Every structure is written in structure tokens, then in C-alpha cells.
C-alpha atoms as a PDB file:
ATOM      1  CA  MET A   1     -79.593  36.599 -23.815  1.00  0.00           C
ATOM      2  CA  GLU A   2     -76.578  35.117 -22.006  1.00  0.00           C
ATOM      3  CA  GLU A   3     -75.534  38.571 -20.754  1.00  0.00           C
ATOM      4  CA  LYS A   4     -79.075  39.373 -19.639  1.00  0.00           C
ATOM      5  CA  ILE A   5     -79.229  36.211 -17.532  1.00  0.00           C
ATOM      6  CA  SER A   6     -75.786  36.862 -16.043  1.00  0.00           C
ATOM      7  CA  ASN A   7     -76.709  40.449 -15.136  1.00  0.00           C
ATOM      8  CA  TRP A   8     -79.995  39.237 -13.632  1.00  0.00           C
ATOM      9  CA  LEU A   9     -78.062  36.804 -11.425  1.00  0.00           C
ATOM     10  CA  LYS A  10     -75.669  39.543 -10.302  1.00  0.00           C
ATOM     11  CA  GLU A  11     -78.473  41.991  -9.506  1.00  0.00           C
ATOM     12  CA  TYR A  12     -80.365  39.427  -7.440  1.00  0.00           C
ATOM     13  CA  LEU A  13     -77.277  38.442  -5.444  1.00  0.00           C
ATOM     14  CA  GLU A  14     -76.299  42.039  -4.708  1.00  0.00           C
ATOM     15  CA  LYS A  15     -79.871  42.994  -3.807  1.00  0.00           C
ATOM     16  CA  ASN A  16     -79.872  40.238  -1.178  1.00  0.00           C
ATOM     17  CA  ASN A  17     -76.427  41.152   0.223  1.00  0.00           C
ATOM     18  CA  LEU A  18     -74.832  37.815  -0.642  1.00  0.00           C
ATOM     19  CA  ASP A  19     -71.230  37.219  -1.650  1.00  0.00           C
ATOM     20  CA  CYS A  20     -71.028  34.335  -4.107  1.00  0.00           C
ATOM     21  CA  PHE A  21     -72.736  31.781  -6.311  1.00  0.00           C
ATOM     22  CA  VAL A  22     -72.533  28.050  -5.495  1.00  0.00           C
ATOM     23  CA  VAL A  23     -73.103  25.619  -8.369  1.00  0.00           C
ATOM     24  CA  GLY A  24     -72.935  21.826  -8.400  1.00  0.00           C
ATOM     25  CA  ILE A  25     -71.048  20.565 -11.459  1.00  0.00           C
ATOM     26  CA  SER A  26     -72.068  17.211 -12.936  1.00  0.00           C
ATOM     27  CA  GLY A  27     -70.272  17.198 -16.278  1.00  0.00           C
ATOM     28  CA  GLY A  28     -73.578  17.843 -18.048  1.00  0.00           C
ATOM     29  CA  ILE A  29     -74.619  20.758 -20.214  1.00  0.00           C
ATOM     30  CA  ASP A  30     -77.106  22.365 -17.798  1.00  0.00           C
ATOM     31  CA  SER A  31     -74.647  22.775 -14.920  1.00  0.00           C
ATOM     32  CA  SER A  32     -71.904  23.816 -17.347  1.00  0.00           C
ATOM     33  CA  LEU A  33     -74.032  26.598 -18.800  1.00  0.00           C
ATOM     34  CA  THR A  34     -75.304  27.709 -15.397  1.00  0.00           C
ATOM     35  CA  SER A  35     -71.824  27.949 -13.894  1.00  0.00           C
ATOM     36  CA  THR A  36     -70.602  29.880 -16.921  1.00  0.00           C
ATOM     37  CA  LEU A  37     -73.461  32.393 -16.643  1.00  0.00           C
ATOM     38  CA  CYS A  38     -72.564  32.863 -12.971  1.00  0.00           C
ATOM     39  CA  ALA A  39     -68.861  33.316 -13.712  1.00  0.00           C
ATOM     40  CA  MET A  40     -69.640  35.859 -16.443  1.00  0.00           C
ATOM     41  CA  SER A  41     -71.129  38.144 -13.780  1.00  0.00           C
ATOM     42  CA  GLY A  42     -67.713  38.824 -12.257  1.00  0.00           C
ATOM     43  CA  ILE A  43     -69.035  37.659  -8.873  1.00  0.00           C
ATOM     44  CA  LYS A  44     -67.185  34.933  -6.950  1.00  0.00           C
ATOM     45  CA  THR A  45     -68.460  31.624  -8.333  1.00  0.00           C
ATOM     46  CA  ILE A  46     -67.837  28.423  -6.377  1.00  0.00           C
ATOM     47  CA  VAL A  47     -68.197  25.291  -8.502  1.00  0.00           C
ATOM     48  CA  VAL A  48     -68.443  21.964  -6.716  1.00  0.00           C
ATOM     49  CA  SER A  49     -68.020  18.429  -8.008  1.00  0.00           C
ATOM     50  CA  LEU A  50     -69.883  15.924  -5.814  1.00  0.00           C
ATOM     51  CA  PRO A  51     -69.270  12.392  -7.129  1.00  0.00           C
ATOM     52  CA  ILE A  52     -71.162   9.438  -5.675  1.00  0.00           C
ATOM     53  CA  HIS A  53     -69.801   6.317  -7.378  1.00  0.00           C
ATOM     54  CA  GLN A  54     -69.618   8.481 -10.480  1.00  0.00           C
ATOM     55  CA  PHE A  55     -68.671   7.044 -13.859  1.00  0.00           C
ATOM     56  CA  LYS A  56     -65.226   8.163 -14.990  1.00  0.00           C
ATOM     57  CA  ASP A  57     -66.405   9.878 -18.181  1.00  0.00           C
ATOM     58  CA  GLN A  58     -68.959  11.976 -16.270  1.00  0.00           C
ATOM     59  CA  LEU A  59     -66.399  12.983 -13.661  1.00  0.00           C
ATOM     60  CA  GLN A  60     -63.790  13.755 -16.305  1.00  0.00           C
ATOM     61  CA  ARG A  61     -66.203  16.048 -18.131  1.00  0.00           C
ATOM     62  CA  ALA A  62     -66.843  17.856 -14.841  1.00  0.00           C
ATOM     63  CA  HIS A  63     -63.098  18.288 -14.316  1.00  0.00           C
ATOM     64  CA  ASN A  64     -62.635  19.455 -17.903  1.00  0.00           C
ATOM     65  CA  HIS A  65     -65.377  22.041 -17.581  1.00  0.00           C
ATOM     66  CA  ILE A  66     -64.021  23.358 -14.293  1.00  0.00           C
ATOM     67  CA  LYS A  67     -60.569  23.768 -15.858  1.00  0.00           C
ATOM     68  CA  TRP A  68     -62.116  25.485 -18.904  1.00  0.00           C
ATOM     69  CA  LEU A  69     -64.039  27.826 -16.604  1.00  0.00           C
ATOM     70  CA  LYS A  70     -61.042  28.707 -14.412  1.00  0.00           C
ATOM     71  CA  ASP A  71     -58.891  29.377 -17.472  1.00  0.00           C
ATOM     72  CA  ARG A  72     -61.402  32.020 -18.605  1.00  0.00           C
ATOM     73  CA  TYR A  73     -62.624  33.589 -15.378  1.00  0.00           C
ATOM     74  CA  GLN A  74     -60.486  34.732 -12.448  1.00  0.00           C
ATOM     75  CA  ASN A  75     -63.454  34.700 -10.052  1.00  0.00           C
ATOM     76  CA  VAL A  76     -63.978  30.900 -10.096  1.00  0.00           C
ATOM     77  CA  GLU A  77     -63.114  28.705  -7.118  1.00  0.00           C
ATOM     78  CA  ASP A  78     -63.587  24.928  -7.155  1.00  0.00           C
ATOM     79  CA  PHE A  79     -64.023  22.087  -4.686  1.00  0.00           C
ATOM     80  CA  GLU A  80     -64.582  18.372  -4.954  1.00  0.00           C
ATOM     81  CA  PHE A  81     -66.159  16.268  -2.235  1.00  0.00           C
ATOM     82  CA  ASP A  82     -66.510  12.556  -2.895  1.00  0.00           C
ATOM     83  CA  LEU A  83     -69.746  11.572  -1.146  1.00  0.00           C
ATOM     84  CA  SER A  84     -69.556   7.869  -2.036  1.00  0.00           C
ATOM     85  CA  GLU A  85     -68.649   6.767   1.491  1.00  0.00           C
ATOM     86  CA  THR A  86     -71.263   9.073   3.014  1.00  0.00           C
ATOM     87  CA  PHE A  87     -73.882   7.569   0.709  1.00  0.00           C
ATOM     88  CA  GLU A  88     -72.873   4.007   1.649  1.00  0.00           C
ATOM     89  CA  VAL A  89     -73.216   4.801   5.355  1.00  0.00           C
ATOM     90  CA  PHE A  90     -76.640   6.291   4.722  1.00  0.00           C
ATOM     91  CA  LYS A  91     -77.635   3.327   2.531  1.00  0.00           C
ATOM     92  CA  LYS A  92     -76.853   0.810   5.311  1.00  0.00           C
ATOM     93  CA  LEU A  93     -79.448   2.480   7.527  1.00  0.00           C
ATOM     94  CA  PHE A  94     -82.202   1.556   5.058  1.00  0.00           C
ATOM     95  CA  ASN A  95     -81.615  -1.988   3.812  1.00  0.00           C
ATOM     96  CA  ASP A  96     -85.159  -2.334   2.493  1.00  0.00           C
ATOM     97  CA  SER A  97     -85.245   1.020   0.664  1.00  0.00           C
ATOM     98  CA  ASN A  98     -86.265   0.915  -3.000  1.00  0.00           C
ATOM     99  CA  ASP A  99     -83.882   1.904  -5.789  1.00  0.00           C
ATOM    100  CA  LEU A 100     -85.639   5.149  -6.676  1.00  0.00           C
ATOM    101  CA  ALA A 101     -85.606   6.392  -3.081  1.00  0.00           C
ATOM    102  CA  LEU A 102     -81.873   5.695  -2.861  1.00  0.00           C
ATOM    103  CA  ALA A 103     -81.207   7.378  -6.190  1.00  0.00           C
ATOM    104  CA  ASN A 104     -83.029  10.475  -4.955  1.00  0.00           C
ATOM    105  CA  SER A 105     -81.010  10.331  -1.735  1.00  0.00           C
ATOM    106  CA  ARG A 106     -77.846  10.883  -3.779  1.00  0.00           C
ATOM    107  CA  SER A 107     -79.314  14.130  -5.069  1.00  0.00           C
ATOM    108  CA  ARG A 108     -80.365  15.206  -1.583  1.00  0.00           C
ATOM    109  CA  LEU A 109     -76.909  14.546  -0.131  1.00  0.00           C
ATOM    110  CA  ARG A 110     -75.484  16.805  -2.821  1.00  0.00           C
ATOM    111  CA  MET A 111     -78.037  19.506  -1.995  1.00  0.00           C
ATOM    112  CA  VAL A 112     -77.083  19.408   1.699  1.00  0.00           C
ATOM    113  CA  THR A 113     -73.407  19.792   0.768  1.00  0.00           C
ATOM    114  CA  LEU A 114     -74.047  22.758  -1.525  1.00  0.00           C
ATOM    115  CA  TYR A 115     -76.032  24.499   1.206  1.00  0.00           C
ATOM    116  CA  GLN A 116     -73.290  23.809   3.729  1.00  0.00           C
ATOM    117  CA  ILE A 117     -70.818  25.599   1.463  1.00  0.00           C
ATOM    118  CA  SER A 118     -73.346  28.346   0.785  1.00  0.00           C
ATOM    119  CA  GLY A 119     -73.897  28.877   4.500  1.00  0.00           C
ATOM    120  CA  MET A 120     -70.170  29.067   5.177  1.00  0.00           C
ATOM    121  CA  ARG A 121     -69.538  31.545   2.373  1.00  0.00           C
ATOM    122  CA  ASN A 122     -72.730  33.661   2.475  1.00  0.00           C
ATOM    123  CA  GLY A 123     -73.660  32.314  -0.932  1.00  0.00           C
ATOM    124  CA  LEU A 124     -76.569  31.558  -3.213  1.00  0.00           C
ATOM    125  CA  VAL A 125     -77.206  27.987  -4.416  1.00  0.00           C
ATOM    126  CA  VAL A 126     -77.924  28.224  -8.133  1.00  0.00           C
ATOM    127  CA  GLY A 127     -80.266  25.734  -9.819  1.00  0.00           C
ATOM    128  CA  THR A 128     -79.341  23.967 -13.043  1.00  0.00           C
ATOM    129  CA  GLY A 129     -82.735  22.665 -14.176  1.00  0.00           C
ATOM    130  CA  ASN A 130     -84.108  23.472 -17.634  1.00  0.00           C
ATOM    131  CA  LYS A 131     -87.724  24.182 -18.623  1.00  0.00           C
ATOM    132  CA  ILE A 132     -88.699  20.612 -19.539  1.00  0.00           C
ATOM    133  CA  GLU A 133     -87.319  19.230 -16.276  1.00  0.00           C
ATOM    134  CA  ASP A 134     -88.619  21.949 -13.960  1.00  0.00           C
ATOM    135  CA  PHE A 135     -92.007  22.783 -15.488  1.00  0.00           C
ATOM    136  CA  GLY A 136     -92.773  20.100 -18.064  1.00  0.00           C
ATOM    137  CA  ILE A 137     -92.306  16.639 -16.593  1.00  0.00           C
ATOM    138  CA  GLY A 138     -90.883  17.328 -13.129  1.00  0.00           C
ATOM    139  CA  PHE A 139     -87.696  15.402 -13.869  1.00  0.00           C
ATOM    140  CA  PHE A 140     -85.807  16.380 -10.735  1.00  0.00           C
ATOM    141  CA  THR A 141     -85.521  15.320  -7.108  1.00  0.00           C
ATOM    142  CA  LYS A 142     -87.730  17.182  -4.688  1.00  0.00           C
ATOM    143  CA  TYR A 143     -85.408  18.821  -2.129  1.00  0.00           C
ATOM    144  CA  GLY A 144     -82.468  17.443  -4.104  1.00  0.00           C
ATOM    145  CA  ASP A 145     -81.445  19.202  -7.305  1.00  0.00           C
ATOM    146  CA  GLY A 146     -84.821  20.938  -7.005  1.00  0.00           C
ATOM    147  CA  GLY A 147     -83.701  22.537  -3.728  1.00  0.00           C
ATOM    148  CA  VAL A 148     -82.112  25.806  -4.873  1.00  0.00           C
ATOM    149  CA  ASP A 149     -82.279  29.566  -4.318  1.00  0.00           C
ATOM    150  CA  ILE A 150     -82.516  30.782  -7.907  1.00  0.00           C
ATOM    151  CA  SER A 151     -83.080  29.170 -11.328  1.00  0.00           C
ATOM    152  CA  PRO A 152     -81.447  31.016 -14.239  1.00  0.00           C
ATOM    153  CA  ILE A 153     -82.202  28.521 -17.041  1.00  0.00           C
ATOM    154  CA  ALA A 154     -85.562  27.143 -15.897  1.00  0.00           C
ATOM    155  CA  ASP A 155     -87.409  29.044 -18.628  1.00  0.00           C
ATOM    156  CA  PHE A 156     -85.188  27.635 -21.392  1.00  0.00           C
ATOM    157  CA  THR A 157     -85.569  24.326 -23.219  1.00  0.00           C
ATOM    158  CA  LYS A 158     -82.696  21.885 -23.696  1.00  0.00           C
ATOM    159  CA  THR A 159     -82.429  23.052 -27.325  1.00  0.00           C
ATOM    160  CA  GLU A 160     -82.014  26.647 -26.135  1.00  0.00           C
ATOM    161  CA  VAL A 161     -79.520  25.513 -23.491  1.00  0.00           C
ATOM    162  CA  ARG A 162     -77.431  23.874 -26.217  1.00  0.00           C
ATOM    163  CA  THR A 163     -77.577  27.019 -28.344  1.00  0.00           C
ATOM    164  CA  MET A 164     -76.426  29.254 -25.491  1.00  0.00           C
ATOM    165  CA  SER A 165     -73.682  26.777 -24.590  1.00  0.00           C
ATOM    166  CA  LYS A 166     -72.384  26.875 -28.165  1.00  0.00           C
ATOM    167  CA  ASN A 167     -72.507  30.670 -28.119  1.00  0.00           C
ATOM    168  CA  LEU A 168     -70.327  30.708 -25.005  1.00  0.00           C
ATOM    169  CA  GLY A 169     -67.841  28.164 -26.347  1.00  0.00           C
ATOM    170  CA  ILE A 170     -68.555  25.483 -23.753  1.00  0.00           C
ATOM    171  CA  LEU A 171     -66.663  22.268 -24.479  1.00  0.00           C
ATOM    172  CA  ASN A 172     -68.100  20.263 -27.363  1.00  0.00           C
ATOM    173  CA  GLU A 173     -67.783  16.984 -25.443  1.00  0.00           C
ATOM    174  CA  ILE A 174     -70.265  18.378 -22.912  1.00  0.00           C
ATOM    175  CA  ILE A 175     -72.675  19.722 -25.529  1.00  0.00           C
ATOM    176  CA  LEU A 176     -72.716  16.356 -27.337  1.00  0.00           C
ATOM    177  CA  ALA A 177     -72.904  14.117 -24.235  1.00  0.00           C
ATOM    178  CA  SER A 178     -76.136  12.185 -23.672  1.00  0.00           C
ATOM    179  CA  PRO A 179     -78.012  13.874 -20.792  1.00  0.00           C
ATOM    180  CA  THR A 180     -78.051  11.843 -17.570  1.00  0.00           C
ATOM    181  CA  ASP A 181     -78.961  12.621 -13.975  1.00  0.00           C
ATOM    182  CA  GLY A 182     -76.010  10.558 -12.707  1.00  0.00           C
ATOM    183  CA  LEU A 183     -78.071   8.908  -9.961  1.00  0.00           C
ATOM    184  CA  TRP A 184     -77.862   5.293 -11.108  1.00  0.00           C
ATOM    185  CA  ASP A 185     -75.107   2.655 -11.102  1.00  0.00           C
ATOM    186  CA  ASP A 186     -75.935   1.520 -14.644  1.00  0.00           C
ATOM    187  CA  CYS A 187     -75.309   4.946 -16.231  1.00  0.00           C
ATOM    188  CA  ARG A 188     -78.817   5.135 -17.708  1.00  0.00           C
ATOM    189  CA  THR A 189     -79.509   8.264 -19.725  1.00  0.00           C
ATOM    190  CA  ASP A 190     -82.424  10.660 -19.270  1.00  0.00           C
ATOM    191  CA  GLU A 191     -83.928   9.421 -22.533  1.00  0.00           C
ATOM    192  CA  GLN A 192     -83.809   5.806 -21.331  1.00  0.00           C
ATOM    193  CA  GLN A 193     -85.555   6.769 -18.094  1.00  0.00           C
ATOM    194  CA  ILE A 194     -88.172   9.008 -19.679  1.00  0.00           C
ATOM    195  CA  GLY A 195     -88.806   7.152 -22.934  1.00  0.00           C
ATOM    196  CA  ALA A 196     -88.487  10.276 -25.086  1.00  0.00           C
ATOM    197  CA  THR A 197     -85.838  12.783 -26.139  1.00  0.00           C
ATOM    198  CA  TYR A 198     -85.812  16.363 -24.905  1.00  0.00           C
ATOM    199  CA  GLU A 199     -86.636  17.534 -28.426  1.00  0.00           C
ATOM    200  CA  GLU A 200     -89.722  15.302 -28.462  1.00  0.00           C
ATOM    201  CA  LEU A 201     -90.764  16.554 -25.023  1.00  0.00           C
ATOM    202  CA  GLU A 202     -90.346  20.159 -26.165  1.00  0.00           C
ATOM    203  CA  TRP A 203     -92.751  19.412 -28.997  1.00  0.00           C
ATOM    204  CA  ALA A 204     -95.233  17.837 -26.568  1.00  0.00           C
ATOM    205  CA  MET A 205     -95.002  20.817 -24.226  1.00  0.00           C
ATOM    206  CA  ASN A 206     -95.809  23.278 -27.000  1.00  0.00           C
ATOM    207  CA  VAL A 207     -98.226  21.362 -29.242  1.00  0.00           C
ATOM    208  CA  LYS A 208    -101.741  22.796 -29.405  1.00  0.00           C
ATOM    209  CA  LEU A 209    -104.522  20.261 -29.938  1.00  0.00           C
ATOM    210  CA  THR A 210    -107.921  21.902 -30.010  1.00  0.00           C
ATOM    211  CA  SER A 211    -110.054  19.084 -31.394  1.00  0.00           C
ATOM    212  CA  ASP A 212    -110.224  15.343 -31.986  1.00  0.00           C
ATOM    213  CA  ASP A 213    -109.378  16.026 -35.626  1.00  0.00           C
ATOM    214  CA  ASP A 214    -106.039  17.516 -34.540  1.00  0.00           C
ATOM    215  CA  LYS A 215    -105.215  14.313 -32.675  1.00  0.00           C
ATOM    216  CA  LYS A 216    -105.990  12.182 -35.716  1.00  0.00           C
ATOM    217  CA  ILE A 217    -103.157  13.717 -37.744  1.00  0.00           C
ATOM    218  CA  LEU A 218    -100.530  12.778 -35.161  1.00  0.00           C
ATOM    219  CA  SER A 219     -98.143   9.926 -35.946  1.00  0.00           C
ATOM    220  CA  ASP A 220     -98.022   6.899 -33.635  1.00  0.00           C
ATOM    221  CA  ARG A 221     -94.743   8.170 -32.163  1.00  0.00           C
ATOM    222  CA  GLN A 222     -96.185  11.618 -31.540  1.00  0.00           C
ATOM    223  CA  LYS A 223     -99.129  10.060 -29.729  1.00  0.00           C
ATOM    224  CA  GLU A 224     -96.734   7.985 -27.627  1.00  0.00           C
ATOM    225  CA  VAL A 225     -94.595  11.013 -26.736  1.00  0.00           C
ATOM    226  CA  LEU A 226     -97.677  13.063 -25.869  1.00  0.00           C
ATOM    227  CA  SER A 227     -98.843  10.250 -23.601  1.00  0.00           C
ATOM    228  CA  ILE A 228     -95.432  10.106 -21.865  1.00  0.00           C
ATOM    229  CA  TYR A 229     -95.397  13.861 -21.376  1.00  0.00           C
ATOM    230  CA  THR A 230     -98.974  14.010 -20.073  1.00  0.00           C
ATOM    231  CA  LYS A 231     -98.441  11.106 -17.666  1.00  0.00           C
ATOM    232  CA  LEU A 232     -95.224  12.548 -16.172  1.00  0.00           C
ATOM    233  CA  ASN A 233     -96.636  16.064 -16.002  1.00  0.00           C
ATOM    234  CA  SER A 234     -99.581  14.756 -14.011  1.00  0.00           C
ATOM    235  CA  ALA A 235     -97.611  12.398 -11.759  1.00  0.00           C
ATOM    236  CA  ASN A 236     -94.996  15.034 -10.866  1.00  0.00           C
ATOM    237  CA  ARG A 237     -97.271  18.050 -10.571  1.00  0.00           C
ATOM    238  CA  HIS A 238     -96.727  18.061  -6.799  1.00  0.00           C
ATOM    239  CA  LYS A 239     -93.084  19.000  -7.472  1.00  0.00           C
ATOM    240  CA  MET A 240     -93.932  21.860  -9.810  1.00  0.00           C
ATOM    241  CA  THR A 241     -96.552  23.706  -7.767  1.00  0.00           C
ATOM    242  CA  PRO A 242     -96.298  25.553  -4.425  1.00  0.00           C
ATOM    243  CA  LEU A 243     -96.651  23.505  -1.265  1.00  0.00           C
ATOM    244  CA  PRO A 244    -100.274  23.087  -0.183  1.00  0.00           C
ATOM    245  CA  ILE A 245    -100.987  25.043   2.985  1.00  0.00           C
ATOM    246  CA  PHE A 246    -104.075  24.628   5.131  1.00  0.00           C
ATOM    247  CA  LYS A 247    -105.714  28.017   5.548  1.00  0.00           C
ATOM    248  CA  ARG A 248    -107.531  28.796   8.780  1.00  0.00           C
END
């Protein structure tokens, strides 16, 4: 499967007469797998670390992955741009902005930077979202990490992402790290924000309930997880469907 995805990436890039892949590296498993799949293609792969007041362990994992990647693939080039000062300047313009809007602004600043590099190098910005995030609960920033040109792992669950990462020998510290979007100063994990694990959300995404009797056999926790999934899926549907266009 890993080779199929890598070949698919290469074919798409060549078909569109582009020269390289551009991938933001967070120190998490999704971006680590995505960048590895790009590098496997043999095409120039530019990996970019974009810290904004990043916690040291997250940044160190990003550095470790980049080193691991460059040791294995000759076609990898890396950059790091610390956007902390840029974010602080932006933040001062909106003193009354709420915390969520500012958190999303971090993601959007990173998107702008990736597209700047992509524009300079005739590249393709590669998405790092998995299936639960992109099509289950909409756990991404619209026009932030959701603003990409191609999504190689968006049809794969977090469990499948972990399996592929193990197959490719990605660093164990990254595979075992608690998933986090890295947008908050308190280092909250995805699970703390969502209220459920990715494994639980995968169950909720796939469970088939055809009658009230089916619902009765669910445990209290399963009912809670299903409620979380349904609520987020509904609230974030605007992110996961095409833009509405008024038709004349």
C-alpha cells in the first residue's frame, strides 16, 4: 500500500508538470508518514518545520524525523521558519479575538508559508490529514492545515497510519506520541480536545445501527462516543463538503 500511495503522488505531480513536494512537519505521525511517502517517490521533497511557541518535545520529534528522513533519502531538503514573532504581531492586531480563532490562525500562518515555498519552487503542498480528521469529525483548520493540493492519507484511519508508519520504520517515539494539533499553549492532546480516542472515533465512523434494538446493546461509553462523533460531524460538515455556490 505504501508504494502504491507513493507512486500515485509521483504520477500526479508529473502529470501536472510540478517539481517537488512540500510538507509541513509537526513531529506527529501523520506528517511523518506523509513526508516519508513523498520521499519514497524519488521526487524532490521539501520538509518544513514551522514552530509557533512550540513545545520542545514536539519540535525535537520534528527534528528527529527530518534527520531520519534525510539519512534515508537523498532527495529530501529541509527548512525551519520560526513563526512565533509573526504570530505575536498578528495577535496584537486582534486583542479581543477568542482563543479558538487565534489557534486556527497559527495553522493558517503555516499554510501561507508552505504555499510561499511551493510557489517559489513550483511545488505541490501535500496534506497530512487522516480519514477521521478530514471526513469524520472535521478536526482541521479550514484554509489552515485543510488548505492543501493533494491528500495521500485522507482515506486511512489513524490505526492504518500507525501500521504503515511501523512498516516504513518511522521512529517509535513518533508512533507512540499522543496526537496533538500543536495549536495551544497548554499542549492539550487531540483526545483531550475531542473527548474520545481515534480508535473510538473509528468505531463510531463504521458502526451500523439499523434499529432501536441495536442502540440498546451499546455500552454507556459507546453511546457517549457516538454522540461526540455525531455532534462534531454535524458541526463541521461545512469543512468537509464543497463550497456552496449560488447557481443562476
